[in-house]
Amino acid sequence: MTILYLTYFFHPDLSAGSFRNTPFVDELARQLSPADTIHIITTQPNRYRSFNLAAPAQEDRSKATGARVWVERVPVPAHTGSMGSQIRAFAVYFRAVYRLTRDHQYDRVMVSSSRLFTAFLGSMIARRCHALLSLDIRDLFRESILDVLPNPLLRLLLNPALTRIERYTFGRARHINLVSEGFRSYFDGFPNASYSFFTNGIDDEFLIPPDNETRSLPADKPRTLLYAGNIGEGQGLHTILPQAARLLGNGYRFIVIGDGAGRHKLEAAIRAGGVTTIDLRPPVSRQALLDVYAQADYLFVHLNDLNAFRRVLPSKLFEYGATDKPIVAGVTGYAAQFIREHLTNTLLFAPGDAAGLVQQVRQTRYQRLARPQFIDRFQRRTIMADMARHWLAPAPVFQPVPTDD
């Protein structure tokens, strides 16, 4: 069997997509035989301009046993995080993938996609090859982009075009995995596919030994709230951090590690508010991140108060949940439901509600509590093994579903 695997982000890039797809491909290869091949087409690391990584253009990731794994990385232009620069970068990837696959035949096409168009590209290739298509959907691009676009005319023009692309893409898929159960109702209109809900998970480097000891924070120690990850419109940090920092005062400090299209908004909001207790730092390696987690008092996550983000499940929750630190979460919808069901020692507040954040932090007794049940249930290694078995199970003969294309 020959598999084409498309993902815009892959090792050694720093992104949730890379952290998910790299172990998944490794697990797929382990469950296959040396007679099988996985052809991965991804990009050169490009997630953050402020964190440069080198990777070979072509790489044989085959192990001693299992399938042959061949990686090709497409160099794409550096982007600023703006929509225009990201479109230009993806267009380069799109053309390169079409060229690199033109003379190949695949039995299955597997795609991990958060921006819809990687999945769209996979659907095009699957149709050409008459191959089975499996999609791993990490975000609802159409809903998200329409929520954040400020121009109503542009939203009006984009919606029908993106809807048509969705029908073309999802209508071909034999199987669709959704990383959040909150996406379920969105896909009611695509009954041709079977569905699964394999979430993100905890990577091995974050698996710390359980610590059942409850410890209090020393009264004279400055309290730090850490956010580490993408700084984009979806996180909406500029809508919450400056005001929360002012209300908390000098006894608390926010540390923000990361980069993204929304960083300039956060910087502008900090300057406008004259806030001095928010420390902005560039992205760091995962090993360095472990040290930063260990030094923080609270771990912070926030999603902007938009309809699209009520369905998502932040991958950051899995890293945070592997620690014994209290999690301060400004989320609603499915993410809030997930936190209530699976995560202990959390301080939950409504998105954008700085006063609610401050109240939770000041009125909740500080404690550090390990989460062994969460760790046991959501280890990435276990989730990826189950997902690979599910995706590699024998599939029935594909019967094309009529679409409007």
Protein backbone atom coordinates (compact mmCIF):
# COMPACT_ATOMS: atom_id res chain seq x y z
CA MET A 1 0.00 0.00 0.00
CA THR A 2 1.19 3.50 -0.84
CA ILE A 3 -0.07 6.38 1.30
CA LEU A 4 0.22 10.08 0.59
CA TYR A 5 0.21 12.07 3.83
CA LEU A 6 -0.25 15.85 3.60
CA THR A 7 0.39 18.17 6.50
CA TYR A 8 1.51 21.78 6.39
CA PHE A 9 3.41 21.38 9.67
CA PHE A 10 5.73 18.52 10.59
CA HIS A 11 8.83 17.89 12.68
CA PRO A 12 10.86 19.92 13.59
CA ASP A 13 8.40 22.83 13.29
CA LEU A 14 6.87 24.28 16.46
CA SER A 15 3.11 23.97 16.13
CA ALA A 16 0.23 21.86 17.38
CA GLY A 17 -0.02 20.37 13.88
CA SER A 18 3.60 19.27 13.94
CA PHE A 19 3.32 17.82 17.44
CA ARG A 20 0.27 15.82 16.33
CA ASN A 21 1.31 14.65 12.88
CA THR A 22 4.87 13.55 13.59
CA PRO A 23 3.99 10.86 16.18
CA PHE A 24 0.92 9.85 14.16
CA VAL A 25 3.00 9.15 11.04
CA ASP A 26 5.52 7.25 13.16
CA GLU A 27 2.69 5.12 14.52
CA LEU A 28 1.20 4.53 11.06
CA ALA A 29 4.59 3.32 9.87
CA ARG A 30 5.01 1.03 12.86
CA GLN A 31 1.68 -0.66 12.17
CA LEU A 32 2.45 -1.16 8.46
CA SER A 33 4.94 -3.50 6.78
CA PRO A 34 8.19 -2.84 4.88
CA ALA A 35 6.23 -3.41 1.67
CA ASP A 36 4.21 -0.23 2.41
CA THR A 37 5.26 3.37 1.79
CA ILE A 38 4.19 6.66 3.38
CA HIS A 39 5.01 9.72 1.27
CA ILE A 40 4.84 12.88 3.39
CA ILE A 41 4.79 16.29 1.78
CA THR A 42 5.09 19.14 4.24
CA THR A 43 6.84 22.52 4.50
CA GLN A 44 10.18 23.69 5.75
CA PRO A 45 9.71 24.96 9.34
CA ASN A 46 7.90 28.28 9.08
CA ARG A 47 5.46 28.54 11.99
CA TYR A 48 7.26 31.49 13.59
CA ARG A 49 9.58 33.96 11.92
CA SER A 50 11.25 34.53 15.29
CA PHE A 51 12.22 30.86 15.73
CA ASN A 52 14.23 29.48 12.82
CA LEU A 53 14.83 25.77 12.44
CA ALA A 54 16.73 23.82 9.80
CA ALA A 55 15.41 20.61 8.25
CA PRO A 56 16.49 18.55 5.23
CA ALA A 57 14.55 19.04 2.00
CA GLN A 58 14.23 15.26 1.73
CA GLU A 59 14.40 12.81 4.60
CA ASP A 60 14.09 9.08 4.98
CA ARG A 61 12.41 8.53 8.37
CA SER A 62 12.10 4.77 7.95
CA LYS A 63 12.77 2.65 11.01
CA ALA A 64 14.27 -0.83 11.13
CA THR A 65 10.75 -2.25 11.01
CA GLY A 66 7.51 -0.94 9.54
CA ALA A 67 6.77 1.04 6.43
CA ARG A 68 9.17 3.16 4.42
CA VAL A 69 8.63 6.81 5.31
CA TRP A 70 9.79 9.43 2.83
CA VAL A 71 9.48 13.14 3.70
CA GLU A 72 9.68 16.02 1.25
CA ARG A 73 9.72 19.56 2.66
CA VAL A 74 8.65 22.47 0.50
CA PRO A 75 10.34 25.84 1.16
CA VAL A 76 7.67 28.51 1.51
CA PRO A 77 8.08 32.28 1.81
CA ALA A 78 8.37 33.70 5.30
CA HIS A 79 5.07 35.19 6.41
CA THR A 80 4.22 37.98 8.81
CA GLY A 81 1.12 36.23 10.14
CA SER A 82 -1.16 38.38 8.00
CA MET A 83 -3.79 36.66 5.88
CA GLY A 84 -2.22 37.81 2.64
CA SER A 85 1.27 36.54 3.47
CA GLN A 86 -0.11 33.19 4.64
CA ILE A 87 -2.12 32.80 1.41
CA ARG A 88 1.03 33.45 -0.64
CA ALA A 89 2.99 30.90 1.39
CA PHE A 90 0.28 28.26 1.07
CA ALA A 91 0.00 28.84 -2.69
CA VAL A 92 3.65 27.84 -3.01
CA TYR A 93 2.98 24.65 -1.02
CA PHE A 94 -0.17 23.92 -3.05
CA ARG A 95 1.66 24.11 -6.39
CA ALA A 96 4.61 22.08 -5.10
CA VAL A 97 2.39 19.27 -3.80
CA TYR A 98 0.56 19.03 -7.11
CA ARG A 99 3.90 18.85 -8.94
CA LEU A 100 5.45 16.29 -6.56
CA THR A 101 2.44 13.97 -6.76
CA ARG A 102 1.71 14.32 -10.47
CA ASP A 103 3.53 11.13 -11.51
CA HIS A 104 2.60 9.03 -8.48
CA GLN A 105 -0.30 6.73 -7.76
CA TYR A 106 -1.60 6.33 -4.21
CA ASP A 107 -3.93 3.83 -2.60
CA ARG A 108 -4.86 6.18 0.22
CA VAL A 109 -4.58 9.90 0.77
CA MET A 110 -4.44 11.05 4.38
CA VAL A 111 -4.55 14.70 5.33
CA SER A 112 -4.26 16.64 8.57
CA SER A 113 -5.70 20.11 8.08
CA SER A 114 -6.64 23.13 10.12
CA ARG A 115 -7.01 25.60 7.25
CA LEU A 116 -9.30 23.59 4.95
CA PHE A 117 -7.15 24.05 1.85
CA THR A 118 -4.68 21.29 2.73
CA ALA A 119 -7.72 19.00 2.96
CA PHE A 120 -9.04 20.46 -0.32
CA LEU A 121 -5.72 19.67 -1.98
CA GLY A 122 -5.85 16.13 -0.62
CA SER A 123 -9.37 15.71 -1.99
CA MET A 124 -8.20 16.79 -5.44
CA ILE A 125 -5.38 14.25 -5.44
CA ALA A 126 -7.60 11.47 -4.06
CA ARG A 127 -10.08 12.05 -6.89
CA ARG A 128 -7.31 11.94 -9.48
CA CYS A 129 -5.90 8.69 -8.06
CA HIS A 130 -9.29 7.15 -7.20
CA ALA A 131 -7.84 6.74 -3.69
CA LEU A 132 -9.54 6.52 -0.30
CA LEU A 133 -9.45 9.86 1.50
CA SER A 134 -9.11 10.23 5.28
CA LEU A 135 -9.15 13.67 6.88
CA ASP A 136 -7.98 14.82 10.30
CA ILE A 137 -9.76 18.14 10.84
CA ARG A 138 -8.13 20.31 13.51
CA ASP A 139 -10.15 23.51 13.02
CA LEU A 140 -13.27 24.82 11.30
CA PHE A 141 -11.65 27.22 8.88
CA ARG A 142 -14.76 28.66 7.22
CA GLU A 143 -16.48 29.44 10.51
CA SER A 144 -13.31 30.81 12.09
CA ILE A 145 -12.32 33.07 9.21
CA LEU A 146 -15.83 34.49 8.81
CA ASP A 147 -15.92 35.27 12.52
CA VAL A 148 -12.65 37.22 12.57
CA LEU A 149 -13.00 39.13 9.29
CA PRO A 150 -14.09 42.71 10.07
CA ASN A 151 -15.35 43.48 6.56
CA PRO A 152 -18.99 42.32 6.15
CA LEU A 153 -18.83 42.53 2.34
CA LEU A 154 -15.77 40.27 2.28
CA ARG A 155 -17.55 37.80 4.57
CA LEU A 156 -20.56 37.84 2.24
CA LEU A 157 -18.36 37.08 -0.77
CA LEU A 158 -16.23 34.43 0.92
CA ASN A 159 -18.99 32.39 2.55
CA PRO A 160 -20.46 30.76 -0.59
CA ALA A 161 -17.01 30.09 -2.03
CA LEU A 162 -15.77 28.43 1.16
CA THR A 163 -19.03 26.47 1.49
CA ARG A 164 -18.51 25.06 -1.99
CA ILE A 165 -14.91 24.13 -1.19
CA GLU A 166 -16.10 22.36 1.96
CA ARG A 167 -18.65 20.34 -0.03
CA TYR A 168 -16.00 19.33 -2.53
CA THR A 169 -13.51 18.43 0.22
CA PHE A 170 -15.62 16.68 2.84
CA GLY A 171 -17.96 15.12 0.29
CA ARG A 172 -15.13 12.92 -1.03
CA ALA A 173 -13.85 11.71 2.36
CA ARG A 174 -14.43 8.14 3.43
CA HIS A 175 -13.45 8.93 7.02
CA ILE A 176 -13.13 12.20 8.98
CA ASN A 177 -11.54 12.55 12.38
CA LEU A 178 -12.50 15.62 14.41
CA VAL A 179 -10.10 16.70 17.16
CA SER A 180 -12.97 18.26 19.14
CA GLU A 181 -16.38 16.78 19.85
CA GLY A 182 -17.58 20.36 19.58
CA PHE A 183 -17.21 20.04 15.79
CA ARG A 184 -19.75 17.21 15.59
CA SER A 185 -22.87 19.19 14.66
CA TYR A 186 -20.97 21.16 12.00
CA PHE A 187 -20.52 17.94 9.98
CA ASP A 188 -24.16 16.82 10.06
CA GLY A 189 -24.39 17.76 6.39
CA PHE A 190 -21.74 15.20 5.37
CA PRO A 191 -23.25 11.78 6.16
CA ASN A 192 -21.16 10.00 3.52
CA ALA A 193 -18.16 9.74 5.87
CA SER A 194 -17.62 7.77 9.04
CA TYR A 195 -16.41 9.82 12.00
CA SER A 196 -14.04 9.52 14.94
CA PHE A 197 -12.97 11.92 17.68
CA PHE A 198 -9.31 11.34 18.48
CA THR A 199 -8.18 14.44 20.37
CA ASN A 200 -4.76 15.94 20.81
CA GLY A 201 -2.81 14.53 23.70
CA ILE A 202 0.14 14.72 26.07
CA ASP A 203 3.54 14.20 24.46
CA ASP A 204 6.14 12.05 26.15
CA GLU A 205 8.35 14.97 27.17
CA PHE A 206 5.49 16.38 29.25
CA LEU A 207 4.83 13.14 31.13
CA ILE A 208 6.08 14.03 34.58
CA PRO A 209 5.91 11.64 37.55
CA PRO A 210 2.63 12.03 39.49
CA ASP A 211 2.95 14.27 42.51
CA ASN A 212 0.17 13.89 45.04
CA GLU A 213 1.55 16.40 47.51
CA THR A 214 -0.45 19.60 47.96
CA ARG A 215 1.79 22.66 48.31
CA SER A 216 0.96 26.28 49.05
CA LEU A 217 2.55 29.25 47.35
CA PRO A 218 4.85 31.26 49.68
CA ALA A 219 3.21 34.53 50.63
CA ASP A 220 6.25 36.61 49.62
CA LYS A 221 6.71 35.00 46.21
CA PRO A 222 5.55 36.99 43.15
CA ARG A 223 2.86 35.03 41.33
CA THR A 224 3.41 34.35 37.64
CA LEU A 225 0.77 33.43 35.06
CA LEU A 226 2.28 31.82 31.97
CA TYR A 227 0.90 31.60 28.45
CA ALA A 228 3.03 29.74 25.90
CA GLY A 229 1.82 29.27 22.34
CA ASN A 230 0.40 31.03 19.32
CA ILE A 231 -0.56 34.69 19.71
CA GLY A 232 -3.36 35.09 17.20
CA GLU A 233 -6.85 36.45 16.82
CA GLY A 234 -8.22 33.18 18.15
CA GLN A 235 -6.42 33.61 21.46
CA GLY A 236 -7.48 37.25 21.82
CA LEU A 237 -4.77 37.98 24.41
CA HIS A 238 -4.95 41.69 23.65
CA THR A 239 -8.58 41.72 24.85
CA ILE A 240 -7.81 40.33 28.31
CA LEU A 241 -4.18 40.57 29.48
CA PRO A 242 -3.58 44.34 29.77
CA GLN A 243 -6.75 44.91 31.79
CA ALA A 244 -6.20 41.81 33.94
CA ALA A 245 -2.61 42.85 34.63
CA ARG A 246 -3.72 46.30 35.78
CA LEU A 247 -6.37 44.82 38.08
CA LEU A 248 -4.03 42.25 39.60
CA GLY A 249 -1.32 44.81 40.28
CA ASN A 250 2.36 44.35 41.02
CA GLY A 251 1.88 41.15 43.00
CA TYR A 252 1.33 39.23 39.77
CA ARG A 253 3.13 38.99 36.46
CA PHE A 254 2.07 37.57 33.09
CA ILE A 255 4.71 35.81 31.01
CA VAL A 256 3.76 35.34 27.34
CA ILE A 257 5.99 33.12 25.21
CA GLY A 258 5.20 32.85 21.51
CA ASP A 259 4.53 34.70 18.31
CA GLY A 260 1.79 35.12 15.74
CA ALA A 261 -0.41 37.50 13.82
CA GLY A 262 -1.93 38.94 16.99
CA ARG A 263 1.33 39.81 18.73
CA HIS A 264 1.36 43.39 17.44
CA LYS A 265 -2.16 43.92 18.83
CA LEU A 266 -1.03 42.68 22.22
CA GLU A 267 2.06 44.90 22.14
CA ALA A 268 -0.08 47.91 21.20
CA ALA A 269 -2.59 47.20 23.98
CA ILE A 270 0.24 46.89 26.52
CA ARG A 271 1.72 50.21 25.43
CA ALA A 272 -1.66 51.95 25.41
CA GLY A 273 -2.41 50.74 28.93
CA GLY A 274 1.02 51.57 30.30
CA VAL A 275 1.25 48.02 31.67
CA THR A 276 4.62 46.91 33.05
CA THR A 277 3.73 43.49 34.42
CA ILE A 278 3.46 41.58 31.12
CA ASP A 279 6.68 40.00 29.91
CA LEU A 280 6.64 39.16 26.17
CA ARG A 281 9.20 36.57 25.03
CA PRO A 282 9.92 34.84 21.69
CA PRO A 283 9.13 31.15 21.09
CA VAL A 284 11.43 28.58 22.69
CA SER A 285 12.21 24.91 22.12
CA ARG A 286 10.02 22.30 23.78
CA GLN A 287 12.79 21.36 26.18
CA ALA A 288 13.17 24.98 27.26
CA LEU A 289 9.40 25.18 27.59
CA LEU A 290 9.45 22.43 30.21
CA ASP A 291 11.74 24.58 32.35
CA VAL A 292 9.44 27.59 31.94
CA TYR A 293 6.42 25.51 32.97
CA ALA A 294 8.28 24.36 36.07
CA GLN A 295 8.96 27.96 37.11
CA ALA A 296 5.43 29.29 36.55
CA ASP A 297 2.77 29.45 39.28
CA TYR A 298 -0.31 29.41 37.03
CA LEU A 299 -0.77 28.23 33.43
CA PHE A 300 -3.02 30.48 31.35
CA VAL A 301 -5.16 29.82 28.28
CA HIS A 302 -7.73 32.06 26.58
CA LEU A 303 -9.95 31.95 23.50
CA ASN A 304 -11.55 34.98 21.90
CA ASP A 305 -15.28 35.37 22.51
CA LEU A 306 -16.43 34.40 19.01
CA ASN A 307 -18.90 31.71 17.94
CA ALA A 308 -16.29 29.63 16.12
CA PHE A 309 -14.15 29.25 19.22
CA ARG A 310 -16.99 27.75 21.23
CA ARG A 311 -16.44 24.50 19.34
CA VAL A 312 -12.67 24.16 19.63
CA LEU A 313 -10.51 22.31 22.15
CA PRO A 314 -7.14 24.06 22.68
CA SER A 315 -4.23 21.64 22.37
CA LYS A 316 -2.49 23.64 25.08
CA LEU A 317 -4.82 22.11 27.67
CA PHE A 318 -3.12 18.74 27.27
CA GLU A 319 0.34 20.13 28.03
CA TYR A 320 -1.01 22.10 30.97
CA GLY A 321 -2.97 19.12 32.27
CA ALA A 322 0.22 17.04 32.50
CA THR A 323 1.57 19.41 35.16
CA ASP A 324 0.42 19.91 38.73
CA LYS A 325 -0.05 23.67 38.26
CA PRO A 326 -3.45 25.40 38.47
CA ILE A 327 -4.89 26.22 35.03
CA VAL A 328 -6.49 29.63 34.52
CA ALA A 329 -8.82 29.26 31.52
CA GLY A 330 -10.91 31.90 29.78
CA VAL A 331 -12.97 29.66 27.52
CA THR A 332 -16.59 28.76 26.89
CA GLY A 333 -18.52 26.14 24.90
CA TYR A 334 -16.97 22.73 24.40
CA ALA A 335 -13.59 23.70 25.88
CA ALA A 336 -15.27 24.72 29.14
CA GLN A 337 -17.25 21.48 29.15
CA PHE A 338 -14.06 19.45 28.60
CA ILE A 339 -12.31 21.24 31.46
CA ARG A 340 -15.17 20.57 33.86
CA GLU A 341 -15.28 16.89 32.91
CA HIS A 342 -11.59 16.06 32.76
CA LEU A 343 -9.35 18.63 34.47
CA THR A 344 -9.05 19.33 38.18
CA ASN A 345 -7.51 22.38 39.85
CA THR A 346 -8.79 24.83 37.23
CA LEU A 347 -9.95 28.44 37.49
CA LEU A 348 -12.58 28.97 34.79
CA PHE A 349 -13.81 32.40 33.67
CA ALA A 350 -15.67 33.82 30.67
CA PRO A 351 -13.57 34.96 27.67
CA GLY A 352 -12.63 38.62 27.90
CA ASP A 353 -13.81 38.89 31.52
CA ALA A 354 -10.74 40.40 33.20
CA ALA A 355 -12.63 41.00 36.45
CA GLY A 356 -13.71 37.36 36.51
CA LEU A 357 -10.11 36.23 35.99
CA VAL A 358 -8.92 38.43 38.84
CA GLN A 359 -11.67 37.21 41.15
CA GLN A 360 -10.82 33.57 40.47
CA VAL A 361 -7.10 34.07 41.07
CA ARG A 362 -7.51 36.11 44.24
CA GLN A 363 -10.31 34.11 45.86
CA THR A 364 -9.19 30.56 45.04
CA ARG A 365 -6.65 29.02 47.40
CA TYR A 366 -3.44 28.27 45.55
CA GLN A 367 -2.60 24.60 45.29
CA ARG A 368 -0.58 22.25 43.11
CA LEU A 369 -2.24 18.92 42.45
CA ALA A 370 -1.17 16.18 40.05
CA ARG A 371 -3.74 14.88 37.54
CA PRO A 372 -2.88 11.17 37.17
CA GLN A 373 -6.26 10.18 35.70
CA PHE A 374 -6.02 12.86 33.02
CA ILE A 375 -2.46 11.80 32.18
CA ASP A 376 -3.44 8.13 31.90
CA ARG A 377 -6.36 8.89 29.60
CA PHE A 378 -4.82 11.45 27.25
CA GLN A 379 -1.30 10.29 26.47
CA ARG A 380 -0.54 11.17 22.86
CA ARG A 381 1.17 7.84 22.25
CA THR A 382 -1.95 5.87 23.15
CA ILE A 383 -4.31 8.15 21.21
CA MET A 384 -2.17 8.02 18.07
CA ALA A 385 -1.89 4.21 18.25
CA ASP A 386 -5.68 3.89 18.44
CA MET A 387 -6.18 6.41 15.64
CA ALA A 388 -3.67 4.66 13.37
CA ARG A 389 -5.41 1.31 13.88
CA HIS A 390 -8.72 2.97 13.08
CA TRP A 391 -7.43 4.62 9.90
CA LEU A 392 -5.68 1.48 8.65
CA ALA A 393 -8.66 -0.82 9.19
CA PRO A 394 -9.90 -2.38 5.92
CA ALA A 395 -12.26 0.03 4.22
CA PRO A 396 -15.27 -0.91 2.10
CA VAL A 397 -15.18 -0.18 -1.60
CA PHE A 398 -15.65 3.55 -2.06
CA GLN A 399 -18.89 4.60 -3.68
CA PRO A 400 -18.65 8.19 -4.93
CA VAL A 401 -21.18 10.51 -3.35
CA PRO A 402 -22.84 12.99 -5.70
CA THR A 403 -21.68 16.56 -5.08
CA ASP A 404 -22.41 19.92 -6.61
CA ASP A 405 -19.06 20.26 -8.30
